[in-house]
Amino acid sequence: RRTPRYAIGLAVQGTGHWAWADVPPQGEAAVQISFTPPGRGLHRV
């Protein structure tokens, strides 16, 4: 869009640890969130 998007949060469902970002018009924003896998092996996000 040609208008910005404000106060967008992302988190792993159920954790409540949010990372917030504003996305500029016709642009991109990067967000980092984290979680701890239960152990070794191949785990789905």
ModelCIF file with pLDDT and N, C-alpha, C, O atoms, coordinates in Angstrom:
data_MODEL
#
_entry.id   MODEL 
#
_entity.id                         1 
_entity.type                       polymer 
_entity.pdbx_number_of_molecules   1 
#
_entity_poly.entity_id                      1 
_entity_poly.type                           'polypeptide(L)' 
_entity_poly.nstd_linkage                   no 
_entity_poly.nstd_monomer                   no 
_entity_poly.pdbx_seq_one_letter_code       RRTPRYAIGLAVQGTGHWAWADVPPQGEAAVQISFTPPGRGLHRV 
_entity_poly.pdbx_seq_one_letter_code_can   RRTPRYAIGLAVQGTGHWAWADVPPQGEAAVQISFTPPGRGLHRV 
_entity_poly.pdbx_strand_id                 A 
#
loop_
_entity_poly_seq.entity_id 
_entity_poly_seq.num 
_entity_poly_seq.mon_id 
_entity_poly_seq.hetero 
1 1  ARG n 
1 2  ARG n 
1 3  THR n 
1 4  PRO n 
1 5  ARG n 
1 6  TYR n 
1 7  ALA n 
1 8  ILE n 
1 9  GLY n 
1 10 LEU n 
1 11 ALA n 
1 12 VAL n 
1 13 GLN n 
1 14 GLY n 
1 15 THR n 
1 16 GLY n 
1 17 HIS n 
1 18 TRP n 
1 19 ALA n 
1 20 TRP n 
1 21 ALA n 
1 22 ASP n 
1 23 VAL n 
1 24 PRO n 
1 25 PRO n 
1 26 GLN n 
1 27 GLY n 
1 28 GLU n 
1 29 ALA n 
1 30 ALA n 
1 31 VAL n 
1 32 GLN n 
1 33 ILE n 
1 34 SER n 
1 35 PHE n 
1 36 THR n 
1 37 PRO n 
1 38 PRO n 
1 39 GLY n 
1 40 ARG n 
1 41 GLY n 
1 42 LEU n 
1 43 HIS n 
1 44 ARG n 
1 45 VAL n 
#
_struct_asym.id          A 
_struct_asym.entity_id   1 
#
loop_
_ma_qa_metric.id 
_ma_qa_metric.mode 
_ma_qa_metric.name 
_ma_qa_metric.software_group_id 
_ma_qa_metric.type 
1 global pLDDT . pLDDT 
2 local  pLDDT . pLDDT 
#
_ma_qa_metric_global.metric_id      1 
_ma_qa_metric_global.metric_value   93.31 
_ma_qa_metric_global.model_id       1 
_ma_qa_metric_global.ordinal_id     1 
#
loop_
_ma_qa_metric_local.label_asym_id 
_ma_qa_metric_local.label_comp_id 
_ma_qa_metric_local.label_seq_id 
_ma_qa_metric_local.metric_id 
_ma_qa_metric_local.metric_value 
_ma_qa_metric_local.model_id 
_ma_qa_metric_local.ordinal_id 
A ARG 1  2 92.00 1 1  
A ARG 2  2 92.00 1 2  
A THR 3  2 93.00 1 3  
A PRO 4  2 95.00 1 4  
A ARG 5  2 94.00 1 5  
A TYR 6  2 95.00 1 6  
A ALA 7  2 94.00 1 7  
A ILE 8  2 96.00 1 8  
A GLY 9  2 95.00 1 9  
A LEU 10 2 96.00 1 10 
A ALA 11 2 96.00 1 11 
A VAL 12 2 94.00 1 12 
A GLN 13 2 90.00 1 13 
A GLY 14 2 84.00 1 14 
A THR 15 2 87.00 1 15 
A GLY 16 2 85.00 1 16 
A HIS 17 2 90.00 1 17 
A TRP 18 2 94.00 1 18 
A ALA 19 2 95.00 1 19 
A TRP 20 2 95.00 1 20 
A ALA 21 2 95.00 1 21 
A ASP 22 2 95.00 1 22 
A VAL 23 2 96.00 1 23 
A PRO 24 2 95.00 1 24 
A PRO 25 2 95.00 1 25 
A GLN 26 2 94.00 1 26 
A GLY 27 2 95.00 1 27 
A GLU 28 2 95.00 1 28 
A ALA 29 2 96.00 1 29 
A ALA 30 2 95.00 1 30 
A VAL 31 2 96.00 1 31 
A GLN 32 2 95.00 1 32 
A ILE 33 2 95.00 1 33 
A SER 34 2 93.00 1 34 
A PHE 35 2 93.00 1 35 
A THR 36 2 92.00 1 36 
A PRO 37 2 93.00 1 37 
A PRO 38 2 90.00 1 38 
A GLY 39 2 89.00 1 39 
A ARG 40 2 92.00 1 40 
A GLY 41 2 93.00 1 41 
A LEU 42 2 94.00 1 42 
A HIS 43 2 94.00 1 43 
A ARG 44 2 93.00 1 44 
A VAL 45 2 94.00 1 45 
#
loop_
_atom_site.group_PDB 
_atom_site.id 
_atom_site.type_symbol 
_atom_site.label_atom_id 
_atom_site.label_alt_id 
_atom_site.label_comp_id 
_atom_site.label_asym_id 
_atom_site.label_entity_id 
_atom_site.label_seq_id 
_atom_site.pdbx_PDB_ins_code 
_atom_site.Cartn_x 
_atom_site.Cartn_y 
_atom_site.Cartn_z 
_atom_site.occupancy 
_atom_site.B_iso_or_equiv 
_atom_site.pdbx_formal_charge 
_atom_site.auth_seq_id 
_atom_site.auth_comp_id 
_atom_site.auth_asym_id 
_atom_site.auth_atom_id 
_atom_site.pdbx_PDB_model_num 
ATOM 1   N N  . ARG A 1 1  ? 0.826  -1.204  0.000  1.00 92.00 ? 1  ARG A N  1 
ATOM 2   C CA . ARG A 1 1  ? 0.000  0.000   0.000  1.00 92.00 ? 1  ARG A CA 1 
ATOM 3   C C  . ARG A 1 1  ? 0.866  1.262   0.000  1.00 92.00 ? 1  ARG A C  1 
ATOM 4   O O  . ARG A 1 1  ? 2.068  1.212   0.258  1.00 92.00 ? 1  ARG A O  1 
ATOM 5   N N  . ARG A 1 2  ? 0.220  2.391   -0.296 1.00 92.00 ? 2  ARG A N  1 
ATOM 6   C CA . ARG A 1 2  ? 0.902  3.679   -0.276 1.00 92.00 ? 2  ARG A CA 1 
ATOM 7   C C  . ARG A 1 2  ? 0.826  4.362   1.081  1.00 92.00 ? 2  ARG A C  1 
ATOM 8   O O  . ARG A 1 2  ? 1.277  5.497   1.238  1.00 92.00 ? 2  ARG A O  1 
ATOM 9   N N  . THR A 1 3  ? 0.259  3.674   2.054  1.00 93.00 ? 3  THR A N  1 
ATOM 10  C CA . THR A 1 3  ? 0.181  4.206   3.413  1.00 93.00 ? 3  THR A CA 1 
ATOM 11  C C  . THR A 1 3  ? 0.899  3.247   4.352  1.00 93.00 ? 3  THR A C  1 
ATOM 12  O O  . THR A 1 3  ? 0.922  2.044   4.094  1.00 93.00 ? 3  THR A O  1 
ATOM 13  N N  . PRO A 1 4  ? 1.480  3.745   5.426  1.00 95.00 ? 4  PRO A N  1 
ATOM 14  C CA . PRO A 1 4  ? 2.211  2.867   6.341  1.00 95.00 ? 4  PRO A CA 1 
ATOM 15  C C  . PRO A 1 4  ? 1.274  2.010   7.189  1.00 95.00 ? 4  PRO A C  1 
ATOM 16  O O  . PRO A 1 4  ? 0.078  2.280   7.301  1.00 95.00 ? 4  PRO A O  1 
ATOM 17  N N  . ARG A 1 5  ? 1.842  0.997   7.765  1.00 94.00 ? 5  ARG A N  1 
ATOM 18  C CA . ARG A 1 5  ? 1.126  0.127   8.709  1.00 94.00 ? 5  ARG A CA 1 
ATOM 19  C C  . ARG A 1 5  ? 1.862  0.211   10.040 1.00 94.00 ? 5  ARG A C  1 
ATOM 20  O O  . ARG A 1 5  ? 3.067  -0.032  10.108 1.00 94.00 ? 5  ARG A O  1 
ATOM 21  N N  . TYR A 1 6  ? 1.133  0.556   11.097 1.00 95.00 ? 6  TYR A N  1 
ATOM 22  C CA . TYR A 1 6  ? 1.762  0.819   12.380 1.00 95.00 ? 6  TYR A CA 1 
ATOM 23  C C  . TYR A 1 6  ? 1.472  -0.305  13.383 1.00 95.00 ? 6  TYR A C  1 
ATOM 24  O O  . TYR A 1 6  ? 0.450  -0.989  13.320 1.00 95.00 ? 6  TYR A O  1 
ATOM 25  N N  . ALA A 1 7  ? 2.432  -0.459  14.316 1.00 94.00 ? 7  ALA A N  1 
ATOM 26  C CA . ALA A 1 7  ? 2.237  -1.287  15.521 1.00 94.00 ? 7  ALA A CA 1 
ATOM 27  C C  . ALA A 1 7  ? 1.776  -2.697  15.191 1.00 94.00 ? 7  ALA A C  1 
ATOM 28  O O  . ALA A 1 7  ? 0.726  -3.141  15.655 1.00 94.00 ? 7  ALA A O  1 
ATOM 29  N N  . ILE A 1 8  ? 2.563  -3.395  14.390 1.00 96.00 ? 8  ILE A N  1 
ATOM 30  C CA . ILE A 1 8  ? 2.283  -4.794  14.059 1.00 96.00 ? 8  ILE A CA 1 
ATOM 31  C C  . ILE A 1 8  ? 3.224  -5.665  14.882 1.00 96.00 ? 8  ILE A C  1 
ATOM 32  O O  . ILE A 1 8  ? 4.442  -5.501  14.829 1.00 96.00 ? 8  ILE A O  1 
ATOM 33  N N  . GLY A 1 9  ? 2.658  -6.577  15.630 1.00 95.00 ? 9  GLY A N  1 
ATOM 34  C CA . GLY A 1 9  ? 3.440  -7.445  16.499 1.00 95.00 ? 9  GLY A CA 1 
ATOM 35  C C  . GLY A 1 9  ? 3.388  -8.883  16.051 1.00 95.00 ? 9  GLY A C  1 
ATOM 36  O O  . GLY A 1 9  ? 2.372  -9.352  15.539 1.00 95.00 ? 9  GLY A O  1 
ATOM 37  N N  . LEU A 1 10 ? 4.507  -9.591  16.248 1.00 96.00 ? 10 LEU A N  1 
ATOM 38  C CA . LEU A 1 10 ? 4.577  -11.020 15.954 1.00 96.00 ? 10 LEU A CA 1 
ATOM 39  C C  . LEU A 1 10 ? 5.149  -11.742 17.164 1.00 96.00 ? 10 LEU A C  1 
ATOM 40  O O  . LEU A 1 10 ? 5.994  -11.207 17.882 1.00 96.00 ? 10 LEU A O  1 
ATOM 41  N N  . ALA A 1 11 ? 4.677  -12.964 17.380 1.00 96.00 ? 11 ALA A N  1 
ATOM 42  C CA . ALA A 1 11 ? 5.147  -13.775 18.501 1.00 96.00 ? 11 ALA A CA 1 
ATOM 43  C C  . ALA A 1 11 ? 4.846  -15.233 18.219 1.00 96.00 ? 11 ALA A C  1 
ATOM 44  O O  . ALA A 1 11 ? 3.967  -15.562 17.422 1.00 96.00 ? 11 ALA A O  1 
ATOM 45  N N  . VAL A 1 12 ? 5.595  -16.104 18.890 1.00 94.00 ? 12 VAL A N  1 
ATOM 46  C CA . VAL A 1 12 ? 5.242  -17.521 18.879 1.00 94.00 ? 12 VAL A CA 1 
ATOM 47  C C  . VAL A 1 12 ? 3.947  -17.671 19.662 1.00 94.00 ? 12 VAL A C  1 
ATOM 48  O O  . VAL A 1 12 ? 3.815  -17.138 20.764 1.00 94.00 ? 12 VAL A O  1 
ATOM 49  N N  . GLN A 1 13 ? 2.998  -18.391 19.095 1.00 90.00 ? 13 GLN A N  1 
ATOM 50  C CA . GLN A 1 13 ? 1.674  -18.467 19.701 1.00 90.00 ? 13 GLN A CA 1 
ATOM 51  C C  . GLN A 1 13 ? 1.755  -18.987 21.136 1.00 90.00 ? 13 GLN A C  1 
ATOM 52  O O  . GLN A 1 13 ? 2.372  -20.015 21.414 1.00 90.00 ? 13 GLN A O  1 
ATOM 53  N N  . GLY A 1 14 ? 1.120  -18.253 22.026 1.00 84.00 ? 14 GLY A N  1 
ATOM 54  C CA . GLY A 1 14 ? 1.049  -18.677 23.416 1.00 84.00 ? 14 GLY A CA 1 
ATOM 55  C C  . GLY A 1 14 ? 2.178  -18.200 24.301 1.00 84.00 ? 14 GLY A C  1 
ATOM 56  O O  . GLY A 1 14 ? 2.120  -18.412 25.513 1.00 84.00 ? 14 GLY A O  1 
ATOM 57  N N  . THR A 1 15 ? 3.215  -17.559 23.751 1.00 87.00 ? 15 THR A N  1 
ATOM 58  C CA . THR A 1 15 ? 4.343  -17.140 24.575 1.00 87.00 ? 15 THR A CA 1 
ATOM 59  C C  . THR A 1 15 ? 4.157  -15.732 25.141 1.00 87.00 ? 15 THR A C  1 
ATOM 60  O O  . THR A 1 15 ? 4.583  -15.461 26.263 1.00 87.00 ? 15 THR A O  1 
ATOM 61  N N  . GLY A 1 16 ? 3.533  -14.841 24.386 1.00 85.00 ? 16 GLY A N  1 
ATOM 62  C CA . GLY A 1 16 ? 3.370  -13.473 24.842 1.00 85.00 ? 16 GLY A CA 1 
ATOM 63  C C  . GLY A 1 16 ? 4.605  -12.611 24.709 1.00 85.00 ? 16 GLY A C  1 
ATOM 64  O O  . GLY A 1 16 ? 4.612  -11.478 25.192 1.00 85.00 ? 16 GLY A O  1 
ATOM 65  N N  . HIS A 1 17 ? 5.662  -13.116 24.062 1.00 90.00 ? 17 HIS A N  1 
ATOM 66  C CA . HIS A 1 17 ? 6.878  -12.324 23.835 1.00 90.00 ? 17 HIS A CA 1 
ATOM 67  C C  . HIS A 1 17 ? 6.784  -11.705 22.436 1.00 90.00 ? 17 HIS A C  1 
ATOM 68  O O  . HIS A 1 17 ? 7.057  -12.368 21.435 1.00 90.00 ? 17 HIS A O  1 
ATOM 69  N N  . TRP A 1 18 ? 6.403  -10.448 22.380 1.00 94.00 ? 18 TRP A N  1 
ATOM 70  C CA . TRP A 1 18 ? 6.085  -9.799  21.114 1.00 94.00 ? 18 TRP A CA 1 
ATOM 71  C C  . TRP A 1 18 ? 7.268  -9.008  20.581 1.00 94.00 ? 18 TRP A C  1 
ATOM 72  O O  . TRP A 1 18 ? 8.048  -8.428  21.336 1.00 94.00 ? 18 TRP A O  1 
ATOM 73  N N  . ALA A 1 19 ? 7.375  -9.002  19.269 1.00 95.00 ? 19 ALA A N  1 
ATOM 74  C CA . ALA A 1 19 ? 8.309  -8.129  18.555 1.00 95.00 ? 19 ALA A CA 1 
ATOM 75  C C  . ALA A 1 19 ? 7.474  -7.231  17.653 1.00 95.00 ? 19 ALA A C  1 
ATOM 76  O O  . ALA A 1 19 ? 6.665  -7.712  16.860 1.00 95.00 ? 19 ALA A O  1 
ATOM 77  N N  . TRP A 1 20 ? 7.679  -5.903  17.780 1.00 95.00 ? 20 TRP A N  1 
ATOM 78  C CA . TRP A 1 20 ? 6.818  -4.937  17.108 1.00 95.00 ? 20 TRP A CA 1 
ATOM 79  C C  . TRP A 1 20 ? 7.572  -4.217  16.001 1.00 95.00 ? 20 TRP A C  1 
ATOM 80  O O  . TRP A 1 20 ? 8.785  -4.018  16.074 1.00 95.00 ? 20 TRP A O  1 
ATOM 81  N N  . ALA A 1 21 ? 6.822  -3.834  14.976 1.00 95.00 ? 21 ALA A N  1 
ATOM 82  C CA . ALA A 1 21 ? 7.440  -3.141  13.837 1.00 95.00 ? 21 ALA A CA 1 
ATOM 83  C C  . ALA A 1 21 ? 6.393  -2.283  13.149 1.00 95.00 ? 21 ALA A C  1 
ATOM 84  O O  . ALA A 1 21 ? 5.199  -2.583  13.171 1.00 95.00 ? 21 ALA A O  1 
ATOM 85  N N  . ASP A 1 22 ? 6.870  -1.211  12.538 1.00 95.00 ? 22 ASP A N  1 
ATOM 86  C CA . ASP A 1 22 ? 6.066  -0.378  11.632 1.00 95.00 ? 22 ASP A CA 1 
ATOM 87  C C  . ASP A 1 22 ? 6.557  -0.635  10.211 1.00 95.00 ? 22 ASP A C  1 
ATOM 88  O O  . ASP A 1 22 ? 7.760  -0.620  9.954  1.00 95.00 ? 22 ASP A O  1 
ATOM 89  N N  . VAL A 1 23 ? 5.635  -0.868  9.301  1.00 96.00 ? 23 VAL A N  1 
ATOM 90  C CA . VAL A 1 23 ? 5.995  -1.166  7.920  1.00 96.00 ? 23 VAL A CA 1 
ATOM 91  C C  . VAL A 1 23 ? 5.778  0.084   7.075  1.00 96.00 ? 23 VAL A C  1 
ATOM 92  O O  . VAL A 1 23 ? 4.664  0.606   7.029  1.00 96.00 ? 23 VAL A O  1 
ATOM 93  N N  . PRO A 1 24 ? 6.824  0.576   6.403  1.00 95.00 ? 24 PRO A N  1 
ATOM 94  C CA . PRO A 1 24 ? 6.672  1.806   5.606  1.00 95.00 ? 24 PRO A CA 1 
ATOM 95  C C  . PRO A 1 24 ? 5.820  1.561   4.369  1.00 95.00 ? 24 PRO A C  1 
ATOM 96  O O  . PRO A 1 24 ? 5.630  0.415   3.962  1.00 95.00 ? 24 PRO A O  1 
ATOM 97  N N  . PRO A 1 25 ? 5.302  2.637   3.766  1.00 95.00 ? 25 PRO A N  1 
ATOM 98  C CA . PRO A 1 25 ? 4.500  2.470   2.539  1.00 95.00 ? 25 PRO A CA 1 
ATOM 99  C C  . PRO A 1 25 ? 5.337  1.890   1.408  1.00 95.00 ? 25 PRO A C  1 
ATOM 100 O O  . PRO A 1 25 ? 6.448  2.345   1.135  1.00 95.00 ? 25 PRO A O  1 
ATOM 101 N N  . GLN A 1 26 ? 4.770  0.864   0.752  1.00 94.00 ? 26 GLN A N  1 
ATOM 102 C CA . GLN A 1 26 ? 5.429  0.173   -0.359 1.00 94.00 ? 26 GLN A CA 1 
ATOM 103 C C  . GLN A 1 26 ? 6.870  -0.216  0.022  1.00 94.00 ? 26 GLN A C  1 
ATOM 104 O O  . GLN A 1 26 ? 7.804  -0.046  -0.762 1.00 94.00 ? 26 GLN A O  1 
ATOM 105 N N  . GLY A 1 27 ? 7.014  -0.726  1.206  1.00 95.00 ? 27 GLY A N  1 
ATOM 106 C CA . GLY A 1 27 ? 8.334  -1.127  1.692  1.00 95.00 ? 27 GLY A CA 1 
ATOM 107 C C  . GLY A 1 27 ? 8.251  -2.397  2.522  1.00 95.00 ? 27 GLY A C  1 
ATOM 108 O O  . GLY A 1 27 ? 7.232  -3.087  2.538  1.00 95.00 ? 27 GLY A O  1 
ATOM 109 N N  . GLU A 1 28 ? 9.349  -2.688  3.209  1.00 95.00 ? 28 GLU A N  1 
ATOM 110 C CA . GLU A 1 28 ? 9.453  -3.894  4.011  1.00 95.00 ? 28 GLU A CA 1 
ATOM 111 C C  . GLU A 1 28 ? 10.003 -3.556  5.395  1.00 95.00 ? 28 GLU A C  1 
ATOM 112 O O  . GLU A 1 28 ? 10.674 -2.542  5.591  1.00 95.00 ? 28 GLU A O  1 
ATOM 113 N N  . ALA A 1 29 ? 9.701  -4.428  6.335  1.00 96.00 ? 29 ALA A N  1 
ATOM 114 C CA . ALA A 1 29 ? 10.256 -4.335  7.680  1.00 96.00 ? 29 ALA A CA 1 
ATOM 115 C C  . ALA A 1 29 ? 10.655 -5.742  8.113  1.00 96.00 ? 29 ALA A C  1 
ATOM 116 O O  . ALA A 1 29 ? 10.014 -6.723  7.735  1.00 96.00 ? 29 ALA A O  1 
ATOM 117 N N  . ALA A 1 30 ? 11.718 -5.832  8.910  1.00 95.00 ? 30 ALA A N  1 
ATOM 118 C CA . ALA A 1 30 ? 12.223 -7.118  9.383  1.00 95.00 ? 30 ALA A CA 1 
ATOM 119 C C  . ALA A 1 30 ? 11.932 -7.255  10.869 1.00 95.00 ? 30 ALA A C  1 
ATOM 120 O O  . ALA A 1 30 ? 12.084 -6.305  11.636 1.00 95.00 ? 30 ALA A O  1 
ATOM 121 N N  . VAL A 1 31 ? 11.512 -8.447  11.259 1.00 96.00 ? 31 VAL A N  1 
ATOM 122 C CA . VAL A 1 31 ? 11.195 -8.743  12.654 1.00 96.00 ? 31 VAL A CA 1 
ATOM 123 C C  . VAL A 1 31 ? 11.888 -10.051 13.023 1.00 96.00 ? 31 VAL A C  1 
ATOM 124 O O  . VAL A 1 31 ? 11.920 -10.989 12.227 1.00 96.00 ? 31 VAL A O  1 
ATOM 125 N N  . GLN A 1 32 ? 12.437 -10.109 14.222 1.00 95.00 ? 32 GLN A N  1 
ATOM 126 C CA . GLN A 1 32 ? 13.063 -11.326 14.735 1.00 95.00 ? 32 GLN A CA 1 
ATOM 127 C C  . GLN A 1 32 ? 12.315 -11.800 15.979 1.00 95.00 ? 32 GLN A C  1 
ATOM 128 O O  . GLN A 1 32 ? 12.085 -11.035 16.915 1.00 95.00 ? 32 GLN A O  1 
ATOM 129 N N  . ILE A 1 33 ? 11.946 -13.066 15.966 1.00 95.00 ? 33 ILE A N  1 
ATOM 130 C CA . ILE A 1 33 ? 11.378 -13.697 17.155 1.00 95.00 ? 33 ILE A CA 1 
ATOM 131 C C  . ILE A 1 33 ? 12.123 -15.002 17.382 1.00 95.00 ? 33 ILE A C  1 
ATOM 132 O O  . ILE A 1 33 ? 12.757 -15.523 16.464 1.00 95.00 ? 33 ILE A O  1 
ATOM 133 N N  . SER A 1 34 ? 12.054 -15.528 18.580 1.00 93.00 ? 34 SER A N  1 
ATOM 134 C CA . SER A 1 34 ? 12.849 -16.704 18.913 1.00 93.00 ? 34 SER A CA 1 
ATOM 135 C C  . SER A 1 34 ? 12.032 -17.682 19.748 1.00 93.00 ? 34 SER A C  1 
ATOM 136 O O  . SER A 1 34 ? 11.035 -17.317 20.372 1.00 93.00 ? 34 SER A O  1 
ATOM 137 N N  . PHE A 1 35 ? 12.479 -18.921 19.742 1.00 93.00 ? 35 PHE A N  1 
ATOM 138 C CA . PHE A 1 35 ? 11.907 -19.960 20.589 1.00 93.00 ? 35 PHE A CA 1 
ATOM 139 C C  . PHE A 1 35 ? 13.002 -20.982 20.860 1.00 93.00 ? 35 PHE A C  1 
ATOM 140 O O  . PHE A 1 35 ? 14.014 -21.012 20.160 1.00 93.00 ? 35 PHE A O  1 
ATOM 141 N N  . THR A 1 36 ? 12.802 -21.809 21.863 1.00 92.00 ? 36 THR A N  1 
ATOM 142 C CA . THR A 1 36 ? 13.778 -22.830 22.228 1.00 92.00 ? 36 THR A CA 1 
ATOM 143 C C  . THR A 1 36 ? 13.246 -24.193 21.805 1.00 92.00 ? 36 THR A C  1 
ATOM 144 O O  . THR A 1 36 ? 12.246 -24.646 22.363 1.00 92.00 ? 36 THR A O  1 
ATOM 145 N N  . PRO A 1 37 ? 13.874 -24.868 20.840 1.00 93.00 ? 37 PRO A N  1 
ATOM 146 C CA . PRO A 1 37 ? 13.427 -26.212 20.457 1.00 93.00 ? 37 PRO A CA 1 
ATOM 147 C C  . PRO A 1 37 ? 13.548 -27.174 21.634 1.00 93.00 ? 37 PRO A C  1 
ATOM 148 O O  . PRO A 1 37 ? 14.415 -26.991 22.489 1.00 93.00 ? 37 PRO A O  1 
ATOM 149 N N  . PRO A 1 38 ? 12.702 -28.185 21.693 1.00 90.00 ? 38 PRO A N  1 
ATOM 150 C CA . PRO A 1 38 ? 12.713 -29.099 22.848 1.00 90.00 ? 38 PRO A CA 1 
ATOM 151 C C  . PRO A 1 38 ? 13.950 -29.969 22.943 1.00 90.00 ? 38 PRO A C  1 
ATOM 152 O O  . PRO A 1 38 ? 14.249 -30.457 24.032 1.00 90.00 ? 38 PRO A O  1 
ATOM 153 N N  . GLY A 1 39 ? 14.680 -30.189 21.873 1.00 89.00 ? 39 GLY A N  1 
ATOM 154 C CA . GLY A 1 39 ? 15.860 -31.044 21.916 1.00 89.00 ? 39 GLY A CA 1 
ATOM 155 C C  . GLY A 1 39 ? 16.419 -31.225 20.520 1.00 89.00 ? 39 GLY A C  1 
ATOM 156 O O  . GLY A 1 39 ? 15.997 -30.557 19.576 1.00 89.00 ? 39 GLY A O  1 
ATOM 157 N N  . ARG A 1 40 ? 17.382 -32.146 20.396 1.00 92.00 ? 40 ARG A N  1 
ATOM 158 C CA . ARG A 1 40 ? 17.986 -32.372 19.089 1.00 92.00 ? 40 ARG A CA 1 
ATOM 159 C C  . ARG A 1 40 ? 16.970 -33.004 18.141 1.00 92.00 ? 40 ARG A C  1 
ATOM 160 O O  . ARG A 1 40 ? 15.964 -33.568 18.571 1.00 92.00 ? 40 ARG A O  1 
ATOM 161 N N  . GLY A 1 41 ? 17.251 -32.899 16.854 1.00 93.00 ? 41 GLY A N  1 
ATOM 162 C CA . GLY A 1 41 ? 16.373 -33.488 15.851 1.00 93.00 ? 41 GLY A CA 1 
ATOM 163 C C  . GLY A 1 41 ? 15.839 -32.424 14.905 1.00 93.00 ? 41 GLY A C  1 
ATOM 164 O O  . GLY A 1 41 ? 16.315 -31.289 14.890 1.00 93.00 ? 41 GLY A O  1 
ATOM 165 N N  . LEU A 1 42 ? 14.861 -32.803 14.129 1.00 94.00 ? 42 LEU A N  1 
ATOM 166 C CA . LEU A 1 42 ? 14.237 -31.908 13.157 1.00 94.00 ? 42 LEU A CA 1 
ATOM 167 C C  . LEU A 1 42 ? 12.885 -31.475 13.707 1.00 94.00 ? 42 LEU A C  1 
ATOM 168 O O  . LEU A 1 42 ? 11.995 -32.302 13.904 1.00 94.00 ? 42 LEU A O  1 
ATOM 169 N N  . HIS A 1 43 ? 12.735 -30.187 13.952 1.00 94.00 ? 43 HIS A N  1 
ATOM 170 C CA . HIS A 1 43 ? 11.526 -29.656 14.578 1.00 94.00 ? 43 HIS A CA 1 
ATOM 171 C C  . HIS A 1 43 ? 10.861 -28.648 13.648 1.00 94.00 ? 43 HIS A C  1 
ATOM 172 O O  . HIS A 1 43 ? 11.524 -27.811 13.036 1.00 94.00 ? 43 HIS A O  1 
ATOM 173 N N  . ARG A 1 44 ? 9.556  -28.745 13.557 1.00 93.00 ? 44 ARG A N  1 
ATOM 174 C CA . ARG A 1 44 ? 8.807  -27.761 12.771 1.00 93.00 ? 44 ARG A CA 1 
ATOM 175 C C  . ARG A 1 44 ? 8.683  -26.465 13.563 1.00 93.00 ? 44 ARG A C  1 
ATOM 176 O O  . ARG A 1 44 ? 8.539  -26.480 14.785 1.00 93.00 ? 44 ARG A O  1 
ATOM 177 N N  . VAL A 1 45 ? 8.742  -25.356 12.855 1.00 94.00 ? 45 VAL A N  1 
ATOM 178 C CA . VAL A 1 45 ? 8.570  -24.057 13.504 1.00 94.00 ? 45 VAL A CA 1 
ATOM 179 C C  . VAL A 1 45 ? 7.162  -23.984 14.098 1.00 94.00 ? 45 VAL A C  1 
ATOM 180 O O  . VAL A 1 45 ? 6.796  -22.972 14.695 1.00 94.00 ? 45 VAL A O  1 
#
